[in-house]
Amino acid sequence: MYYSRKRPMEDYPTESTAVWTCTKEGCKGWMRNEYSFADVPACAQCRSPMTLGMRNLPVLMDSTYDRKPAASKKPAVAEVAFGPAGS
């Protein structure tokens, strides 16, 4: 008998997600809006322009929201041992 450890697709929560879809006929290229670097990206497969739309996709666990902002600057090792530079 075969017992798969993968969860069935029905178990994954989905949500309506903004995606960029390729405009070229026959191209199936698309990407999530959160992962595009340009305001209006070009298709990675055929370099055609893309349009913004919506799809019902599985929710991704993104750990970037758990990170602390880089506002608190820790002193360098040299500053701790010898004081600030230039003094």
PDB file of N, CA and C in Angstrom:
ATOM      1  N   MET A   1       0.839  -1.184   0.000  1.00  0.00           N
ATOM      2  CA  MET A   1       0.000   0.000   0.000  1.00  0.00           C
ATOM      3  C   MET A   1       0.878   1.240   0.000  1.00  0.00           C
ATOM      4  N   TYR A   2       0.355   2.288  -0.591  1.00  0.00           N
ATOM      5  CA  TYR A   2       1.080   3.551  -0.692  1.00  0.00           C
ATOM      6  C   TYR A   2       0.375   4.597   0.161  1.00  0.00           C
ATOM      7  N   TYR A   3       1.103   5.192   1.083  1.00  0.00           N
ATOM      8  CA  TYR A   3       0.560   6.251   1.921  1.00  0.00           C
ATOM      9  C   TYR A   3       1.334   7.530   1.644  1.00  0.00           C
ATOM     10  N   SER A   4       0.703   8.469   1.006  1.00  0.00           N
ATOM     11  CA  SER A   4       1.359   9.734   0.682  1.00  0.00           C
ATOM     12  C   SER A   4       1.391  10.636   1.911  1.00  0.00           C
ATOM     13  N   ARG A   5       2.488  11.318   2.112  1.00  0.00           N
ATOM     14  CA  ARG A   5       2.604  12.247   3.229  1.00  0.00           C
ATOM     15  C   ARG A   5       2.179  13.653   2.844  1.00  0.00           C
ATOM     16  N   LYS A   6       1.945  13.871   1.587  1.00  0.00           N
ATOM     17  CA  LYS A   6       1.503  15.191   1.140  1.00  0.00           C
ATOM     18  C   LYS A   6       0.048  15.402   1.518  1.00  0.00           C
ATOM     19  N   ARG A   7      -0.248  16.626   1.914  1.00  0.00           N
ATOM     20  CA  ARG A   7      -1.638  16.955   2.234  1.00  0.00           C
ATOM     21  C   ARG A   7      -2.414  17.168   0.948  1.00  0.00           C
ATOM     22  N   PRO A   8      -3.662  16.758   0.913  1.00  0.00           N
ATOM     23  CA  PRO A   8      -4.482  17.028  -0.278  1.00  0.00           C
ATOM     24  C   PRO A   8      -4.682  18.531  -0.461  1.00  0.00           C
ATOM     25  N   MET A   9      -4.930  18.965  -1.687  1.00  0.00           N
ATOM     26  CA  MET A   9      -5.100  20.392  -1.986  1.00  0.00           C
ATOM     27  C   MET A   9      -6.289  20.991  -1.239  1.00  0.00           C
ATOM     28  N   GLU A  10      -7.254  20.186  -0.854  1.00  0.00           N
ATOM     29  CA  GLU A  10      -8.418  20.710  -0.145  1.00  0.00           C
ATOM     30  C   GLU A  10      -8.050  21.215   1.246  1.00  0.00           C
ATOM     31  N   ASP A  11      -6.947  20.713   1.817  1.00  0.00           N
ATOM     32  CA  ASP A  11      -6.546  21.102   3.166  1.00  0.00           C
ATOM     33  C   ASP A  11      -5.844  22.458   3.219  1.00  0.00           C
ATOM     34  N   TYR A  12      -5.351  22.957   2.099  1.00  0.00           N
ATOM     35  CA  TYR A  12      -4.636  24.227   2.084  1.00  0.00           C
ATOM     36  C   TYR A  12      -5.618  25.393   2.024  1.00  0.00           C
ATOM     37  N   PRO A  13      -5.474  26.382   2.902  1.00  0.00           N
ATOM     38  CA  PRO A  13      -6.361  27.549   2.820  1.00  0.00           C
ATOM     39  C   PRO A  13      -6.008  28.396   1.595  1.00  0.00           C
ATOM     40  N   THR A  14      -7.026  28.919   0.931  1.00  0.00           N
ATOM     41  CA  THR A  14      -6.806  29.759  -0.253  1.00  0.00           C
ATOM     42  C   THR A  14      -7.380  31.144  -0.003  1.00  0.00           C
ATOM     43  N   GLU A  15      -6.892  32.107  -0.801  1.00  0.00           N
ATOM     44  CA  GLU A  15      -7.407  33.465  -0.731  1.00  0.00           C
ATOM     45  C   GLU A  15      -7.318  34.105  -2.111  1.00  0.00           C
ATOM     46  N   SER A  16      -8.100  35.125  -2.326  1.00  0.00           N
ATOM     47  CA  SER A  16      -8.054  35.863  -3.571  1.00  0.00           C
ATOM     48  C   SER A  16      -6.781  36.704  -3.570  1.00  0.00           C
ATOM     49  N   THR A  17      -5.915  36.482  -4.568  1.00  0.00           N
ATOM     50  CA  THR A  17      -4.593  37.079  -4.611  1.00  0.00           C
ATOM     51  C   THR A  17      -4.416  37.872  -5.897  1.00  0.00           C
ATOM     52  N   ALA A  18      -3.796  39.047  -5.800  1.00  0.00           N
ATOM     53  CA  ALA A  18      -3.497  39.861  -6.982  1.00  0.00           C
ATOM     54  C   ALA A  18      -2.324  39.228  -7.733  1.00  0.00           C
ATOM     55  N   VAL A  19      -2.504  39.007  -9.035  1.00  0.00           N
ATOM     56  CA  VAL A  19      -1.465  38.402  -9.869  1.00  0.00           C
ATOM     57  C   VAL A  19      -1.323  39.190 -11.167  1.00  0.00           C
ATOM     58  N   TRP A  20      -0.117  39.121 -11.751  1.00  0.00           N
ATOM     59  CA  TRP A  20       0.144  39.659 -13.082  1.00  0.00           C
ATOM     60  C   TRP A  20       0.046  38.500 -14.057  1.00  0.00           C
ATOM     61  N   THR A  21      -0.729  38.668 -15.135  1.00  0.00           N
ATOM     62  CA  THR A  21      -0.938  37.633 -16.138  1.00  0.00           C
ATOM     63  C   THR A  21      -0.437  38.133 -17.487  1.00  0.00           C
ATOM     64  N   CYS A  22       0.221  37.259 -18.242  1.00  0.00           N
ATOM     65  CA  CYS A  22       0.763  37.618 -19.551  1.00  0.00           C
ATOM     66  C   CYS A  22      -0.372  37.900 -20.538  1.00  0.00           C
ATOM     67  N   THR A  23      -0.175  38.889 -21.398  1.00  0.00           N
ATOM     68  CA  THR A  23      -1.193  39.278 -22.380  1.00  0.00           C
ATOM     69  C   THR A  23      -1.036  38.553 -23.717  1.00  0.00           C
ATOM     70  N   LYS A  24       0.087  37.872 -23.943  1.00  0.00           N
ATOM     71  CA  LYS A  24       0.322  37.197 -25.222  1.00  0.00           C
ATOM     72  C   LYS A  24      -0.552  35.954 -25.342  1.00  0.00           C
ATOM     73  N   GLU A  25      -1.159  35.779 -26.498  1.00  0.00           N
ATOM     74  CA  GLU A  25      -2.014  34.628 -26.777  1.00  0.00           C
ATOM     75  C   GLU A  25      -1.179  33.349 -26.712  1.00  0.00           C
ATOM     76  N   GLY A  26      -1.624  32.381 -25.923  1.00  0.00           N
ATOM     77  CA  GLY A  26      -0.942  31.109 -25.821  1.00  0.00           C
ATOM     78  C   GLY A  26       0.088  31.031 -24.703  1.00  0.00           C
ATOM     79  N   CYS A  27       0.501  32.158 -24.131  1.00  0.00           N
ATOM     80  CA  CYS A  27       1.470  32.145 -23.035  1.00  0.00           C
ATOM     81  C   CYS A  27       0.712  31.997 -21.711  1.00  0.00           C
ATOM     82  N   LYS A  28       1.196  31.139 -20.841  1.00  0.00           N
ATOM     83  CA  LYS A  28       0.533  30.885 -19.568  1.00  0.00           C
ATOM     84  C   LYS A  28       1.281  31.522 -18.396  1.00  0.00           C
ATOM     85  N   GLY A  29       2.146  32.485 -18.675  1.00  0.00           N
ATOM     86  CA  GLY A  29       2.954  33.106 -17.632  1.00  0.00           C
ATOM     87  C   GLY A  29       2.137  33.982 -16.692  1.00  0.00           C
ATOM     88  N   TRP A  30       2.436  33.886 -15.396  1.00  0.00           N
ATOM     89  CA  TRP A  30       1.813  34.731 -14.382  1.00  0.00           C
ATOM     90  C   TRP A  30       2.709  34.752 -13.153  1.00  0.00           C
ATOM     91  N   MET A  31       2.540  35.762 -12.302  1.00  0.00           N
ATOM     92  CA  MET A  31       3.278  35.848 -11.045  1.00  0.00           C
ATOM     93  C   MET A  31       2.446  36.602 -10.020  1.00  0.00           C
ATOM     94  N   ARG A  32       2.697  36.317  -8.752  1.00  0.00           N
ATOM     95  CA  ARG A  32       2.012  37.037  -7.677  1.00  0.00           C
ATOM     96  C   ARG A  32       2.494  38.484  -7.658  1.00  0.00           C
ATOM     97  N   ASN A  33       1.586  39.397  -7.329  1.00  0.00           N
ATOM     98  CA  ASN A  33       1.919  40.812  -7.295  1.00  0.00           C
ATOM     99  C   ASN A  33       2.983  41.110  -6.239  1.00  0.00           C
ATOM    100  N   GLU A  34       2.985  40.383  -5.116  1.00  0.00           N
ATOM    101  CA  GLU A  34       3.955  40.633  -4.051  1.00  0.00           C
ATOM    102  C   GLU A  34       5.386  40.342  -4.486  1.00  0.00           C
ATOM    103  N   TYR A  35       5.568  39.502  -5.505  1.00  0.00           N
ATOM    104  CA  TYR A  35       6.895  39.101  -5.927  1.00  0.00           C
ATOM    105  C   TYR A  35       7.357  39.773  -7.217  1.00  0.00           C
ATOM    106  N   SER A  36       6.651  40.787  -7.679  1.00  0.00           N
ATOM    107  CA  SER A  36       7.099  41.508  -8.862  1.00  0.00           C
ATOM    108  C   SER A  36       7.910  42.719  -8.411  1.00  0.00           C
ATOM    109  N   PHE A  37       9.003  42.980  -9.108  1.00  0.00           N
ATOM    110  CA  PHE A  37       9.877  44.087  -8.752  1.00  0.00           C
ATOM    111  C   PHE A  37       9.545  45.367  -9.509  1.00  0.00           C
ATOM    112  N   ALA A  38       8.868  45.267 -10.636  1.00  0.00           N
ATOM    113  CA  ALA A  38       8.532  46.430 -11.451  1.00  0.00           C
ATOM    114  C   ALA A  38       7.074  46.828 -11.222  1.00  0.00           C
ATOM    115  N   ASP A  39       6.759  48.096 -11.538  1.00  0.00           N
ATOM    116  CA  ASP A  39       5.373  48.548 -11.425  1.00  0.00           C
ATOM    117  C   ASP A  39       4.478  47.819 -12.425  1.00  0.00           C
ATOM    118  N   VAL A  40       4.970  47.640 -13.636  1.00  0.00           N
ATOM    119  CA  VAL A  40       4.276  46.859 -14.664  1.00  0.00           C
ATOM    120  C   VAL A  40       5.312  45.889 -15.226  1.00  0.00           C
ATOM    121  N   PRO A  41       5.348  44.650 -14.720  1.00  0.00           N
ATOM    122  CA  PRO A  41       6.410  43.719 -15.136  1.00  0.00           C
ATOM    123  C   PRO A  41       6.191  43.167 -16.540  1.00  0.00           C
ATOM    124  N   ALA A  42       7.267  42.645 -17.104  1.00  0.00           N
ATOM    125  CA  ALA A  42       7.214  41.923 -18.378  1.00  0.00           C
ATOM    126  C   ALA A  42       7.217  40.430 -18.061  1.00  0.00           C
ATOM    127  N   CYS A  43       6.598  39.662 -18.907  1.00  0.00           N
ATOM    128  CA  CYS A  43       6.515  38.212 -18.712  1.00  0.00           C
ATOM    129  C   CYS A  43       7.923  37.613 -18.723  1.00  0.00           C
ATOM    130  N   ALA A  44       8.222  36.762 -17.774  1.00  0.00           N
ATOM    131  CA  ALA A  44       9.540  36.139 -17.682  1.00  0.00           C
ATOM    132  C   ALA A  44       9.763  35.108 -18.786  1.00  0.00           C
ATOM    133  N   GLN A  45       8.685  34.613 -19.396  1.00  0.00           N
ATOM    134  CA  GLN A  45       8.828  33.583 -20.414  1.00  0.00           C
ATOM    135  C   GLN A  45       8.926  34.155 -21.826  1.00  0.00           C
ATOM    136  N   CYS A  46       8.112  35.196 -22.118  1.00  0.00           N
ATOM    137  CA  CYS A  46       8.091  35.701 -23.499  1.00  0.00           C
ATOM    138  C   CYS A  46       8.343  37.206 -23.590  1.00  0.00           C
ATOM    139  N   ARG A  47       8.536  37.892 -22.472  1.00  0.00           N
ATOM    140  CA  ARG A  47       8.825  39.333 -22.409  1.00  0.00           C
ATOM    141  C   ARG A  47       7.681  40.212 -22.908  1.00  0.00           C
ATOM    142  N   SER A  48       6.459  39.710 -22.939  1.00  0.00           N
ATOM    143  CA  SER A  48       5.290  40.504 -23.300  1.00  0.00           C
ATOM    144  C   SER A  48       4.811  41.278 -22.073  1.00  0.00           C
ATOM    145  N   PRO A  49       4.041  42.361 -22.280  1.00  0.00           N
ATOM    146  CA  PRO A  49       3.501  43.083 -21.121  1.00  0.00           C
ATOM    147  C   PRO A  49       2.494  42.222 -20.359  1.00  0.00           C
ATOM    148  N   MET A  50       2.288  42.571 -19.087  1.00  0.00           N
ATOM    149  CA  MET A  50       1.377  41.804 -18.238  1.00  0.00           C
ATOM    150  C   MET A  50       0.276  42.713 -17.711  1.00  0.00           C
ATOM    151  N   THR A  51      -0.877  42.120 -17.389  1.00  0.00           N
ATOM    152  CA  THR A  51      -1.993  42.866 -16.813  1.00  0.00           C
ATOM    153  C   THR A  51      -2.286  42.338 -15.417  1.00  0.00           C
ATOM    154  N   LEU A  52      -2.792  43.226 -14.570  1.00  0.00           N
ATOM    155  CA  LEU A  52      -3.099  42.870 -13.193  1.00  0.00           C
ATOM    156  C   LEU A  52      -4.472  42.217 -13.120  1.00  0.00           C
ATOM    157  N   GLY A  53      -4.577  41.120 -12.384  1.00  0.00           N
ATOM    158  CA  GLY A  53      -5.834  40.406 -12.212  1.00  0.00           C
ATOM    159  C   GLY A  53      -5.868  39.723 -10.854  1.00  0.00           C
ATOM    160  N   MET A  54      -6.852  38.868 -10.646  1.00  0.00           N
ATOM    161  CA  MET A  54      -7.014  38.156  -9.376  1.00  0.00           C
ATOM    162  C   MET A  54      -7.120  36.660  -9.634  1.00  0.00           C
ATOM    163  N   ARG A  55      -6.579  35.852  -8.705  1.00  0.00           N
ATOM    164  CA  ARG A  55      -6.694  34.393  -8.741  1.00  0.00           C
ATOM    165  C   ARG A  55      -6.915  33.884  -7.330  1.00  0.00           C
ATOM    166  N   ASN A  56      -7.559  32.751  -7.219  1.00  0.00           N
ATOM    167  CA  ASN A  56      -7.752  32.095  -5.937  1.00  0.00           C
ATOM    168  C   ASN A  56      -6.586  31.122  -5.756  1.00  0.00           C
ATOM    169  N   LEU A  57      -5.601  31.501  -4.898  1.00  0.00           N
ATOM    170  CA  LEU A  57      -4.372  30.738  -4.728  1.00  0.00           C
ATOM    171  C   LEU A  57      -4.169  30.325  -3.272  1.00  0.00           C
ATOM    172  N   PRO A  58      -3.382  29.281  -3.037  1.00  0.00           N
ATOM    173  CA  PRO A  58      -3.062  28.904  -1.654  1.00  0.00           C
ATOM    174  C   PRO A  58      -2.309  30.027  -0.939  1.00  0.00           C
ATOM    175  N   VAL A  59      -2.561  30.164   0.350  1.00  0.00           N
ATOM    176  CA  VAL A  59      -1.905  31.193   1.151  1.00  0.00           C
ATOM    177  C   VAL A  59      -0.457  30.773   1.388  1.00  0.00           C
ATOM    178  N   LEU A  60       0.483  31.702   1.175  1.00  0.00           N
ATOM    179  CA  LEU A  60       1.893  31.431   1.433  1.00  0.00           C
ATOM    180  C   LEU A  60       2.262  31.940   2.814  1.00  0.00           C
ATOM    181  N   MET A  61       3.062  31.191   3.515  1.00  0.00           N
ATOM    182  CA  MET A  61       3.565  31.625   4.813  1.00  0.00           C
ATOM    183  C   MET A  61       4.789  32.488   4.572  1.00  0.00           C
ATOM    184  N   ASP A  62       4.701  33.769   4.890  1.00  0.00           N
ATOM    185  CA  ASP A  62       5.788  34.707   4.643  1.00  0.00           C
ATOM    186  C   ASP A  62       6.379  35.131   5.976  1.00  0.00           C
ATOM    187  N   SER A  63       7.643  34.872   6.189  1.00  0.00           N
ATOM    188  CA  SER A  63       8.278  35.183   7.464  1.00  0.00           C
ATOM    189  C   SER A  63       8.872  36.579   7.503  1.00  0.00           C
ATOM    190  N   THR A  64       8.750  37.374   6.441  1.00  0.00           N
ATOM    191  CA  THR A  64       9.350  38.708   6.441  1.00  0.00           C
ATOM    192  C   THR A  64       8.636  39.642   7.399  1.00  0.00           C
ATOM    193  N   TYR A  65       7.384  39.354   7.734  1.00  0.00           N
ATOM    194  CA  TYR A  65       6.657  40.219   8.653  1.00  0.00           C
ATOM    195  C   TYR A  65       7.104  40.008  10.100  1.00  0.00           C
ATOM    196  N   ASP A  66       7.756  38.888  10.386  1.00  0.00           N
ATOM    197  CA  ASP A  66       8.210  38.596  11.732  1.00  0.00           C
ATOM    198  C   ASP A  66       9.557  39.239  12.045  1.00  0.00           C
ATOM    199  N   ARG A  67      10.248  39.725  11.028  1.00  0.00           N
ATOM    200  CA  ARG A  67      11.570  40.302  11.232  1.00  0.00           C
ATOM    201  C   ARG A  67      11.468  41.677  11.862  1.00  0.00           C
ATOM    202  N   LYS A  68      12.472  41.995  12.667  1.00  0.00           N
ATOM    203  CA  LYS A  68      12.517  43.310  13.292  1.00  0.00           C
ATOM    204  C   LYS A  68      13.100  44.311  12.306  1.00  0.00           C
ATOM    205  N   PRO A  69      12.651  45.567  12.337  1.00  0.00           N
ATOM    206  CA  PRO A  69      13.223  46.561  11.432  1.00  0.00           C
ATOM    207  C   PRO A  69      14.685  46.829  11.779  1.00  0.00           C
ATOM    208  N   ALA A  70      15.450  47.276  10.814  1.00  0.00           N
ATOM    209  CA  ALA A  70      16.876  47.516  10.998  1.00  0.00           C
ATOM    210  C   ALA A  70      17.149  48.902  11.584  1.00  0.00           C
ATOM    211  N   ALA A  71      16.220  49.484  12.304  1.00  0.00           N
ATOM    212  CA  ALA A  71      16.383  50.825  12.854  1.00  0.00           C
ATOM    213  C   ALA A  71      17.352  50.848  14.023  1.00  0.00           C
ATOM    214  N   SER A  72      17.374  49.793  14.824  1.00  0.00           N
ATOM    215  CA  SER A  72      18.275  49.786  15.964  1.00  0.00           C
ATOM    216  C   SER A  72      19.651  49.326  15.512  1.00  0.00           C
ATOM    217  N   LYS A  73      20.614  50.260  15.520  1.00  0.00           N
ATOM    218  CA  LYS A  73      21.966  49.964  15.069  1.00  0.00           C
ATOM    219  C   LYS A  73      22.790  49.516  16.260  1.00  0.00           C
ATOM    220  N   LYS A  74      23.348  48.327  16.176  1.00  0.00           N
ATOM    221  CA  LYS A  74      24.225  47.843  17.224  1.00  0.00           C
ATOM    222  C   LYS A  74      25.617  48.391  16.958  1.00  0.00           C
ATOM    223  N   PRO A  75      26.349  48.784  17.994  1.00  0.00           N
ATOM    224  CA  PRO A  75      27.702  49.301  17.763  1.00  0.00           C
ATOM    225  C   PRO A  75      28.632  48.201  17.278  1.00  0.00           C
ATOM    226  N   ALA A  76      29.589  48.584  16.467  1.00  0.00           N
ATOM    227  CA  ALA A  76      30.567  47.636  15.977  1.00  0.00           C
ATOM    228  C   ALA A  76      31.477  47.201  17.115  1.00  0.00           C
ATOM    229  N   VAL A  77      32.158  46.094  16.937  1.00  0.00           N
ATOM    230  CA  VAL A  77      33.030  45.566  17.977  1.00  0.00           C
ATOM    231  C   VAL A  77      34.122  46.577  18.310  1.00  0.00           C
ATOM    232  N   ALA A  78      34.677  47.249  17.312  1.00  0.00           N
ATOM    233  CA  ALA A  78      35.746  48.232  17.546  1.00  0.00           C
ATOM    234  C   ALA A  78      35.226  49.409  18.367  1.00  0.00           C
ATOM    235  N   GLU A  79      33.970  49.834  18.139  1.00  0.00           N
ATOM    236  CA  GLU A  79      33.408  50.957  18.905  1.00  0.00           C
ATOM    237  C   GLU A  79      33.214  50.577  20.360  1.00  0.00           C
ATOM    238  N   VAL A  80      32.854  49.330  20.641  1.00  0.00           N
ATOM    239  CA  VAL A  80      32.653  48.892  22.007  1.00  0.00           C
ATOM    240  C   VAL A  80      33.986  48.833  22.747  1.00  0.00           C
ATOM    241  N   ALA A  81      35.022  48.307  22.078  1.00  0.00           N
ATOM    242  CA  ALA A  81      36.314  48.126  22.727  1.00  0.00           C
ATOM    243  C   ALA A  81      37.108  49.415  22.835  1.00  0.00           C
ATOM    244  N   PHE A  82      37.070  50.279  21.800  1.00  0.00           N
ATOM    245  CA  PHE A  82      37.937  51.444  21.760  1.00  0.00           C
ATOM    246  C   PHE A  82      37.201  52.769  21.740  1.00  0.00           C
ATOM    247  N   GLY A  83      35.890  52.771  21.719  1.00  0.00           N
ATOM    248  CA  GLY A  83      35.126  53.998  21.633  1.00  0.00           C
ATOM    249  C   GLY A  83      34.828  54.352  20.187  1.00  0.00           C
ATOM    250  N   PRO A  84      34.013  55.392  19.959  1.00  0.00           N
ATOM    251  CA  PRO A  84      33.665  55.759  18.582  1.00  0.00           C
ATOM    252  C   PRO A  84      34.905  56.201  17.801  1.00  0.00           C
ATOM    253  N   ALA A  85      34.854  55.965  16.499  1.00  0.00           N
ATOM    254  CA  ALA A  85      35.966  56.329  15.628  1.00  0.00           C
ATOM    255  C   ALA A  85      36.097  57.855  15.566  1.00  0.00           C
ATOM    256  N   GLY A  86      37.321  58.323  15.516  1.00  0.00           N
ATOM    257  CA  GLY A  86      37.571  59.756  15.368  1.00  0.00           C
ATOM    258  C   GLY A  86      37.669  60.490  16.688  1.00  0.00           C
ATOM    259  N   SER A  87      37.650  59.802  17.819  1.00  0.00           N
ATOM    260  CA  SER A  87      37.756  60.519  19.096  1.00  0.00           C
ATOM    261  C   SER A  87      39.057  60.252  19.772  1.00  0.00           C
TER     262      SER A  87
END
